[in-house]
Amino acid sequence: MKIRGGGEKSSFWAEGKNDPQGLLFSESPLPAGQKRKWESWEAPWYFTFGAATAILALGLPARPDSSLVRWADRQAAERAESV
């Protein structure tokens, strides 16, 4: 019987062929006292993430109150005072 996709008769969830080596992202450990050099995408990514967090943290609490229910409450209070 032919299995779809061919290949072995093992499950999709079966262990892979590569043995774990204990290295994060397959990066070899640096010598003592040496710092890892950033990749070209890391600085813009950290800046963008930090800026977006700051904009959300400062901007969301300062947004105008545009709730329809609160507007209706204010209108009802104004009409009640004018009567």
PDB file of N, CA and C in Angstrom:
ATOM      1  N   MET A   1       0.839  -1.181   0.000  1.00  0.00           N
ATOM      2  CA  MET A   1       0.000   0.000   0.000  1.00  0.00           C
ATOM      3  C   MET A   1       0.886   1.247   0.000  1.00  0.00           C
ATOM      4  N   LYS A   2       0.590   2.179  -0.887  1.00  0.00           N
ATOM      5  CA  LYS A   2       1.384   3.393  -0.991  1.00  0.00           C
ATOM      6  C   LYS A   2       0.825   4.454  -0.044  1.00  0.00           C
ATOM      7  N   ILE A   3       1.720   5.052   0.738  1.00  0.00           N
ATOM      8  CA  ILE A   3       1.326   6.113   1.661  1.00  0.00           C
ATOM      9  C   ILE A   3       1.417   7.441   0.922  1.00  0.00           C
ATOM     10  N   ARG A   4       0.466   8.317   1.159  1.00  0.00           N
ATOM     11  CA  ARG A   4       0.499   9.632   0.519  1.00  0.00           C
ATOM     12  C   ARG A   4       1.788  10.353   0.881  1.00  0.00           C
ATOM     13  N   GLY A   5       2.373  10.968  -0.089  1.00  0.00           N
ATOM     14  CA  GLY A   5       3.608  11.697   0.143  1.00  0.00           C
ATOM     15  C   GLY A   5       4.827  10.813   0.059  1.00  0.00           C
ATOM     16  N   GLY A   6       4.638   9.528  -0.074  1.00  0.00           N
ATOM     17  CA  GLY A   6       5.772   8.610  -0.171  1.00  0.00           C
ATOM     18  C   GLY A   6       6.576   8.601   1.107  1.00  0.00           C
ATOM     19  N   GLY A   7       7.810   8.246   1.019  1.00  0.00           N
ATOM     20  CA  GLY A   7       8.689   8.254   2.176  1.00  0.00           C
ATOM     21  C   GLY A   7       8.441   7.075   3.087  1.00  0.00           C
ATOM     22  N   GLU A   8       8.917   7.220   4.306  1.00  0.00           N
ATOM     23  CA  GLU A   8       8.823   6.131   5.273  1.00  0.00           C
ATOM     24  C   GLU A   8       7.408   5.994   5.809  1.00  0.00           C
ATOM     25  N   LYS A   9       7.167   4.882   6.491  1.00  0.00           N
ATOM     26  CA  LYS A   9       5.839   4.628   7.046  1.00  0.00           C
ATOM     27  C   LYS A   9       5.731   5.122   8.487  1.00  0.00           C
ATOM     28  N   SER A  10       6.546   6.093   8.858  1.00  0.00           N
ATOM     29  CA  SER A  10       6.486   6.606  10.224  1.00  0.00           C
ATOM     30  C   SER A  10       5.501   7.768  10.303  1.00  0.00           C
ATOM     31  N   SER A  11       5.089   8.066  11.498  1.00  0.00           N
ATOM     32  CA  SER A  11       4.130   9.134  11.740  1.00  0.00           C
ATOM     33  C   SER A  11       4.768  10.498  11.502  1.00  0.00           C
ATOM     34  N   PHE A  12       3.933  11.494  11.234  1.00  0.00           N
ATOM     35  CA  PHE A  12       4.408  12.869  11.090  1.00  0.00           C
ATOM     36  C   PHE A  12       5.034  13.353  12.396  1.00  0.00           C
ATOM     37  N   TRP A  13       4.534  12.868  13.514  1.00  0.00           N
ATOM     38  CA  TRP A  13       4.980  13.319  14.825  1.00  0.00           C
ATOM     39  C   TRP A  13       6.175  12.525  15.339  1.00  0.00           C
ATOM     40  N   ALA A  14       6.697  11.611  14.543  1.00  0.00           N
ATOM     41  CA  ALA A  14       7.826  10.790  14.979  1.00  0.00           C
ATOM     42  C   ALA A  14       9.075  11.655  15.138  1.00  0.00           C
ATOM     43  N   GLU A  15      10.039  11.140  15.895  1.00  0.00           N
ATOM     44  CA  GLU A  15      11.302  11.840  16.104  1.00  0.00           C
ATOM     45  C   GLU A  15      11.998  12.068  14.773  1.00  0.00           C
ATOM     46  N   GLY A  16      12.723  13.151  14.664  1.00  0.00           N
ATOM     47  CA  GLY A  16      13.455  13.441  13.443  1.00  0.00           C
ATOM     48  C   GLY A  16      14.728  12.624  13.351  1.00  0.00           C
ATOM     49  N   LYS A  17      15.454  12.819  12.282  1.00  0.00           N
ATOM     50  CA  LYS A  17      16.685  12.072  12.056  1.00  0.00           C
ATOM     51  C   LYS A  17      17.873  12.713  12.759  1.00  0.00           C
ATOM     52  N   ASN A  18      17.811  14.003  13.051  1.00  0.00           N
ATOM     53  CA  ASN A  18      18.932  14.679  13.699  1.00  0.00           C
ATOM     54  C   ASN A  18      18.846  14.496  15.204  1.00  0.00           C
ATOM     55  N   ASP A  19      19.964  14.104  15.793  1.00  0.00           N
ATOM     56  CA  ASP A  19      20.011  13.966  17.247  1.00  0.00           C
ATOM     57  C   ASP A  19      20.145  15.348  17.869  1.00  0.00           C
ATOM     58  N   PRO A  20      19.491  15.576  19.018  1.00  0.00           N
ATOM     59  CA  PRO A  20      19.635  16.873  19.673  1.00  0.00           C
ATOM     60  C   PRO A  20      21.083  17.095  20.106  1.00  0.00           C
ATOM     61  N   GLN A  21      21.567  18.316  19.892  1.00  0.00           N
ATOM     62  CA  GLN A  21      22.955  18.629  20.233  1.00  0.00           C
ATOM     63  C   GLN A  21      23.050  19.570  21.423  1.00  0.00           C
ATOM     64  N   GLY A  22      21.935  20.078  21.908  1.00  0.00           N
ATOM     65  CA  GLY A  22      21.940  20.947  23.074  1.00  0.00           C
ATOM     66  C   GLY A  22      22.351  22.381  22.783  1.00  0.00           C
ATOM     67  N   LEU A  23      22.377  22.792  21.517  1.00  0.00           N
ATOM     68  CA  LEU A  23      22.765  24.150  21.164  1.00  0.00           C
ATOM     69  C   LEU A  23      21.538  24.919  20.703  1.00  0.00           C
ATOM     70  N   LEU A  24      21.336  26.109  21.260  1.00  0.00           N
ATOM     71  CA  LEU A  24      20.195  26.929  20.892  1.00  0.00           C
ATOM     72  C   LEU A  24      20.393  27.488  19.490  1.00  0.00           C
ATOM     73  N   PHE A  25      19.461  27.234  18.600  1.00  0.00           N
ATOM     74  CA  PHE A  25      19.503  27.670  17.202  1.00  0.00           C
ATOM     75  C   PHE A  25      20.759  27.184  16.487  1.00  0.00           C
ATOM     76  N   SER A  26      21.329  26.088  16.954  1.00  0.00           N
ATOM     77  CA  SER A  26      22.538  25.474  16.376  1.00  0.00           C
ATOM     78  C   SER A  26      23.726  26.432  16.368  1.00  0.00           C
ATOM     79  N   GLU A  27      23.764  27.359  17.324  1.00  0.00           N
ATOM     80  CA  GLU A  27      24.904  28.267  17.448  1.00  0.00           C
ATOM     81  C   GLU A  27      25.893  27.667  18.431  1.00  0.00           C
ATOM     82  N   SER A  28      27.145  27.638  18.053  1.00  0.00           N
ATOM     83  CA  SER A  28      28.156  27.104  18.963  1.00  0.00           C
ATOM     84  C   SER A  28      28.428  28.133  20.058  1.00  0.00           C
ATOM     85  N   PRO A  29      28.758  27.667  21.267  1.00  0.00           N
ATOM     86  CA  PRO A  29      29.018  28.604  22.365  1.00  0.00           C
ATOM     87  C   PRO A  29      30.245  29.474  22.071  1.00  0.00           C
ATOM     88  N   LEU A  30      30.177  30.740  22.500  1.00  0.00           N
ATOM     89  CA  LEU A  30      31.284  31.670  22.287  1.00  0.00           C
ATOM     90  C   LEU A  30      32.359  31.455  23.341  1.00  0.00           C
ATOM     91  N   PRO A  31      33.588  31.821  23.037  1.00  0.00           N
ATOM     92  CA  PRO A  31      34.640  31.755  24.057  1.00  0.00           C
ATOM     93  C   PRO A  31      34.323  32.708  25.212  1.00  0.00           C
ATOM     94  N   ALA A  32      34.912  32.436  26.361  1.00  0.00           N
ATOM     95  CA  ALA A  32      34.648  33.243  27.557  1.00  0.00           C
ATOM     96  C   ALA A  32      35.039  34.696  27.317  1.00  0.00           C
ATOM     97  N   GLY A  33      34.159  35.620  27.721  1.00  0.00           N
ATOM     98  CA  GLY A  33      34.421  37.048  27.609  1.00  0.00           C
ATOM     99  C   GLY A  33      34.066  37.653  26.263  1.00  0.00           C
ATOM    100  N   GLN A  34      33.604  36.866  25.319  1.00  0.00           N
ATOM    101  CA  GLN A  34      33.257  37.388  23.999  1.00  0.00           C
ATOM    102  C   GLN A  34      31.745  37.508  23.888  1.00  0.00           C
ATOM    103  N   LYS A  35      31.274  38.622  23.310  1.00  0.00           N
ATOM    104  CA  LYS A  35      29.840  38.838  23.143  1.00  0.00           C
ATOM    105  C   LYS A  35      29.409  38.410  21.748  1.00  0.00           C
ATOM    106  N   ARG A  36      28.167  37.990  21.650  1.00  0.00           N
ATOM    107  CA  ARG A  36      27.612  37.581  20.362  1.00  0.00           C
ATOM    108  C   ARG A  36      27.305  38.818  19.534  1.00  0.00           C
ATOM    109  N   LYS A  37      27.658  38.788  18.249  1.00  0.00           N
ATOM    110  CA  LYS A  37      27.386  39.903  17.349  1.00  0.00           C
ATOM    111  C   LYS A  37      25.944  39.802  16.869  1.00  0.00           C
ATOM    112  N   TRP A  38      25.261  40.950  16.864  1.00  0.00           N
ATOM    113  CA  TRP A  38      23.866  40.962  16.419  1.00  0.00           C
ATOM    114  C   TRP A  38      23.780  40.704  14.922  1.00  0.00           C
ATOM    115  N   GLU A  39      22.685  40.069  14.527  1.00  0.00           N
ATOM    116  CA  GLU A  39      22.388  39.896  13.104  1.00  0.00           C
ATOM    117  C   GLU A  39      21.850  41.226  12.575  1.00  0.00           C
ATOM    118  N   SER A  40      21.774  41.362  11.252  1.00  0.00           N
ATOM    119  CA  SER A  40      21.378  42.642  10.655  1.00  0.00           C
ATOM    120  C   SER A  40      19.928  43.012  10.948  1.00  0.00           C
ATOM    121  N   TRP A  41      19.080  42.049  11.273  1.00  0.00           N
ATOM    122  CA  TRP A  41      17.664  42.329  11.483  1.00  0.00           C
ATOM    123  C   TRP A  41      17.341  42.628  12.943  1.00  0.00           C
ATOM    124  N   GLU A  42      18.268  42.356  13.861  1.00  0.00           N
ATOM    125  CA  GLU A  42      17.940  42.449  15.287  1.00  0.00           C
ATOM    126  C   GLU A  42      17.745  43.882  15.779  1.00  0.00           C
ATOM    127  N   ALA A  43      18.614  44.802  15.406  1.00  0.00           N
ATOM    128  CA  ALA A  43      18.477  46.190  15.879  1.00  0.00           C
ATOM    129  C   ALA A  43      17.170  46.827  15.401  1.00  0.00           C
ATOM    130  N   PRO A  44      16.815  46.736  14.102  1.00  0.00           N
ATOM    131  CA  PRO A  44      15.525  47.310  13.695  1.00  0.00           C
ATOM    132  C   PRO A  44      14.336  46.634  14.363  1.00  0.00           C
ATOM    133  N   TRP A  45      14.442  45.322  14.589  1.00  0.00           N
ATOM    134  CA  TRP A  45      13.328  44.606  15.213  1.00  0.00           C
ATOM    135  C   TRP A  45      13.147  45.077  16.643  1.00  0.00           C
ATOM    136  N   TYR A  46      14.228  45.177  17.427  1.00  0.00           N
ATOM    137  CA  TYR A  46      14.110  45.632  18.812  1.00  0.00           C
ATOM    138  C   TYR A  46      13.619  47.072  18.878  1.00  0.00           C
ATOM    139  N   PHE A  47      14.108  47.936  17.981  1.00  0.00           N
ATOM    140  CA  PHE A  47      13.655  49.324  17.969  1.00  0.00           C
ATOM    141  C   PHE A  47      12.161  49.407  17.661  1.00  0.00           C
ATOM    142  N   THR A  48      11.720  48.692  16.638  1.00  0.00           N
ATOM    143  CA  THR A  48      10.308  48.723  16.248  1.00  0.00           C
ATOM    144  C   THR A  48       9.423  48.171  17.351  1.00  0.00           C
ATOM    145  N   PHE A  49       9.840  47.073  17.971  1.00  0.00           N
ATOM    146  CA  PHE A  49       9.063  46.482  19.060  1.00  0.00           C
ATOM    147  C   PHE A  49       8.975  47.448  20.244  1.00  0.00           C
ATOM    148  N   GLY A  50      10.092  48.085  20.592  1.00  0.00           N
ATOM    149  CA  GLY A  50      10.093  49.045  21.698  1.00  0.00           C
ATOM    150  C   GLY A  50       9.244  50.268  21.403  1.00  0.00           C
ATOM    151  N   ALA A  51       9.343  50.782  20.168  1.00  0.00           N
ATOM    152  CA  ALA A  51       8.548  51.957  19.793  1.00  0.00           C
ATOM    153  C   ALA A  51       7.061  51.636  19.794  1.00  0.00           C
ATOM    154  N   ALA A  52       6.692  50.476  19.275  1.00  0.00           N
ATOM    155  CA  ALA A  52       5.275  50.090  19.261  1.00  0.00           C
ATOM    156  C   ALA A  52       4.749  49.920  20.679  1.00  0.00           C
ATOM    157  N   THR A  53       5.551  49.339  21.556  1.00  0.00           N
ATOM    158  CA  THR A  53       5.142  49.178  22.950  1.00  0.00           C
ATOM    159  C   THR A  53       4.957  50.538  23.619  1.00  0.00           C
ATOM    160  N   ALA A  54       5.881  51.461  23.376  1.00  0.00           N
ATOM    161  CA  ALA A  54       5.769  52.798  23.969  1.00  0.00           C
ATOM    162  C   ALA A  54       4.544  53.538  23.441  1.00  0.00           C
ATOM    163  N   ILE A  55       4.299  53.447  22.143  1.00  0.00           N
ATOM    164  CA  ILE A  55       3.132  54.121  21.562  1.00  0.00           C
ATOM    165  C   ILE A  55       1.843  53.564  22.150  1.00  0.00           C
ATOM    166  N   LEU A  56       1.775  52.243  22.283  1.00  0.00           N
ATOM    167  CA  LEU A  56       0.568  51.644  22.858  1.00  0.00           C
ATOM    168  C   LEU A  56       0.423  51.985  24.336  1.00  0.00           C
ATOM    169  N   ALA A  57       1.530  51.926  25.088  1.00  0.00           N
ATOM    170  CA  ALA A  57       1.463  52.190  26.530  1.00  0.00           C
ATOM    171  C   ALA A  57       1.092  53.643  26.816  1.00  0.00           C
ATOM    172  N   LEU A  58       1.555  54.570  25.989  1.00  0.00           N
ATOM    173  CA  LEU A  58       1.251  55.984  26.213  1.00  0.00           C
ATOM    174  C   LEU A  58       0.020  56.445  25.449  1.00  0.00           C
ATOM    175  N   GLY A  59      -0.236  55.855  24.306  1.00  0.00           N
ATOM    176  CA  GLY A  59      -1.318  56.317  23.454  1.00  0.00           C
ATOM    177  C   GLY A  59      -2.683  55.787  23.820  1.00  0.00           C
ATOM    178  N   LEU A  60      -2.767  54.542  24.226  1.00  0.00           N
ATOM    179  CA  LEU A  60      -4.083  53.980  24.540  1.00  0.00           C
ATOM    180  C   LEU A  60      -4.752  54.656  25.735  1.00  0.00           C
ATOM    181  N   PRO A  61      -4.047  54.931  26.824  1.00  0.00           N
ATOM    182  CA  PRO A  61      -4.719  55.643  27.921  1.00  0.00           C
ATOM    183  C   PRO A  61      -5.086  57.088  27.567  1.00  0.00           C
ATOM    184  N   ALA A  62      -4.415  57.699  26.595  1.00  0.00           N
ATOM    185  CA  ALA A  62      -4.667  59.097  26.246  1.00  0.00           C
ATOM    186  C   ALA A  62      -5.667  59.252  25.108  1.00  0.00           C
ATOM    187  N   ARG A  63      -6.230  58.171  24.625  1.00  0.00           N
ATOM    188  CA  ARG A  63      -7.158  58.269  23.485  1.00  0.00           C
ATOM    189  C   ARG A  63      -8.450  58.975  23.919  1.00  0.00           C
ATOM    190  N   PRO A  64      -9.128  59.619  22.986  1.00  0.00           N
ATOM    191  CA  PRO A  64     -10.373  60.310  23.333  1.00  0.00           C
ATOM    192  C   PRO A  64     -11.478  59.315  23.684  1.00  0.00           C
ATOM    193  N   ASP A  65     -12.378  59.767  24.531  1.00  0.00           N
ATOM    194  CA  ASP A  65     -13.498  58.921  24.941  1.00  0.00           C
ATOM    195  C   ASP A  65     -14.555  58.972  23.847  1.00  0.00           C
ATOM    196  N   SER A  66     -14.679  57.912  23.081  1.00  0.00           N
ATOM    197  CA  SER A  66     -15.633  57.892  21.967  1.00  0.00           C
ATOM    198  C   SER A  66     -16.694  56.814  22.154  1.00  0.00           C
ATOM    199  N   SER A  67     -16.971  56.464  23.395  1.00  0.00           N
ATOM    200  CA  SER A  67     -17.966  55.436  23.668  1.00  0.00           C
ATOM    201  C   SER A  67     -19.371  55.991  23.425  1.00  0.00           C
ATOM    202  N   LEU A  68     -20.167  55.263  22.702  1.00  0.00           N
ATOM    203  CA  LEU A  68     -21.534  55.681  22.401  1.00  0.00           C
ATOM    204  C   LEU A  68     -22.376  55.737  23.676  1.00  0.00           C
ATOM    205  N   VAL A  69     -22.163  54.811  24.578  1.00  0.00           N
ATOM    206  CA  VAL A  69     -22.936  54.772  25.828  1.00  0.00           C
ATOM    207  C   VAL A  69     -22.624  55.998  26.681  1.00  0.00           C
ATOM    208  N   ARG A  70     -21.355  56.370  26.784  1.00  0.00           N
ATOM    209  CA  ARG A  70     -20.999  57.546  27.590  1.00  0.00           C
ATOM    210  C   ARG A  70     -21.545  58.826  26.953  1.00  0.00           C
ATOM    211  N   TRP A  71     -21.518  58.900  25.621  1.00  0.00           N
ATOM    212  CA  TRP A  71     -22.082  60.060  24.940  1.00  0.00           C
ATOM    213  C   TRP A  71     -23.578  60.162  25.239  1.00  0.00           C
ATOM    214  N   ALA A  72     -24.281  59.039  25.185  1.00  0.00           N
ATOM    215  CA  ALA A  72     -25.719  59.036  25.458  1.00  0.00           C
ATOM    216  C   ALA A  72     -25.989  59.413  26.911  1.00  0.00           C
ATOM    217  N   ASP A  73     -25.157  58.955  27.835  1.00  0.00           N
ATOM    218  CA  ASP A  73     -25.323  59.327  29.244  1.00  0.00           C
ATOM    219  C   ASP A  73     -25.163  60.837  29.426  1.00  0.00           C
ATOM    220  N   ARG A  74     -24.155  61.416  28.763  1.00  0.00           N
ATOM    221  CA  ARG A  74     -23.957  62.867  28.858  1.00  0.00           C
ATOM    222  C   ARG A  74     -25.134  63.637  28.260  1.00  0.00           C
ATOM    223  N   GLN A  75     -25.635  63.169  27.126  1.00  0.00           N
ATOM    224  CA  GLN A  75     -26.784  63.823  26.496  1.00  0.00           C
ATOM    225  C   GLN A  75     -28.012  63.740  27.400  1.00  0.00           C
ATOM    226  N   ALA A  76     -28.225  62.583  28.013  1.00  0.00           N
ATOM    227  CA  ALA A  76     -29.377  62.418  28.905  1.00  0.00           C
ATOM    228  C   ALA A  76     -29.243  63.317  30.125  1.00  0.00           C
ATOM    229  N   ALA A  77     -28.019  63.439  30.661  1.00  0.00           N
ATOM    230  CA  ALA A  77     -27.809  64.311  31.819  1.00  0.00           C
ATOM    231  C   ALA A  77     -28.050  65.771  31.443  1.00  0.00           C
ATOM    232  N   GLU A  78     -27.594  66.198  30.258  1.00  0.00           N
ATOM    233  CA  GLU A  78     -27.827  67.574  29.815  1.00  0.00           C
ATOM    234  C   GLU A  78     -29.314  67.852  29.631  1.00  0.00           C
ATOM    235  N   ARG A  79     -30.037  66.912  29.046  1.00  0.00           N
ATOM    236  CA  ARG A  79     -31.477  67.098  28.839  1.00  0.00           C
ATOM    237  C   ARG A  79     -32.226  67.108  30.169  1.00  0.00           C
ATOM    238  N   ALA A  80     -31.763  66.298  31.130  1.00  0.00           N
ATOM    239  CA  ALA A  80     -32.423  66.273  32.441  1.00  0.00           C
ATOM    240  C   ALA A  80     -32.202  67.589  33.179  1.00  0.00           C
ATOM    241  N   GLU A  81     -31.008  68.189  33.022  1.00  0.00           N
ATOM    242  CA  GLU A  81     -30.729  69.468  33.675  1.00  0.00           C
ATOM    243  C   GLU A  81     -31.519  70.613  33.040  1.00  0.00           C
ATOM    244  N   SER A  82     -31.751  70.544  31.739  1.00  0.00           N
ATOM    245  CA  SER A  82     -32.436  71.646  31.056  1.00  0.00           C
ATOM    246  C   SER A  82     -33.936  71.642  31.309  1.00  0.00           C
ATOM    247  N   VAL A  83     -34.462  70.551  31.799  1.00  0.00           N
ATOM    248  CA  VAL A  83     -35.915  70.481  32.032  1.00  0.00           C
ATOM    249  C   VAL A  83     -36.290  71.080  33.338  1.00  0.00           C
TER     250      VAL A  83
END
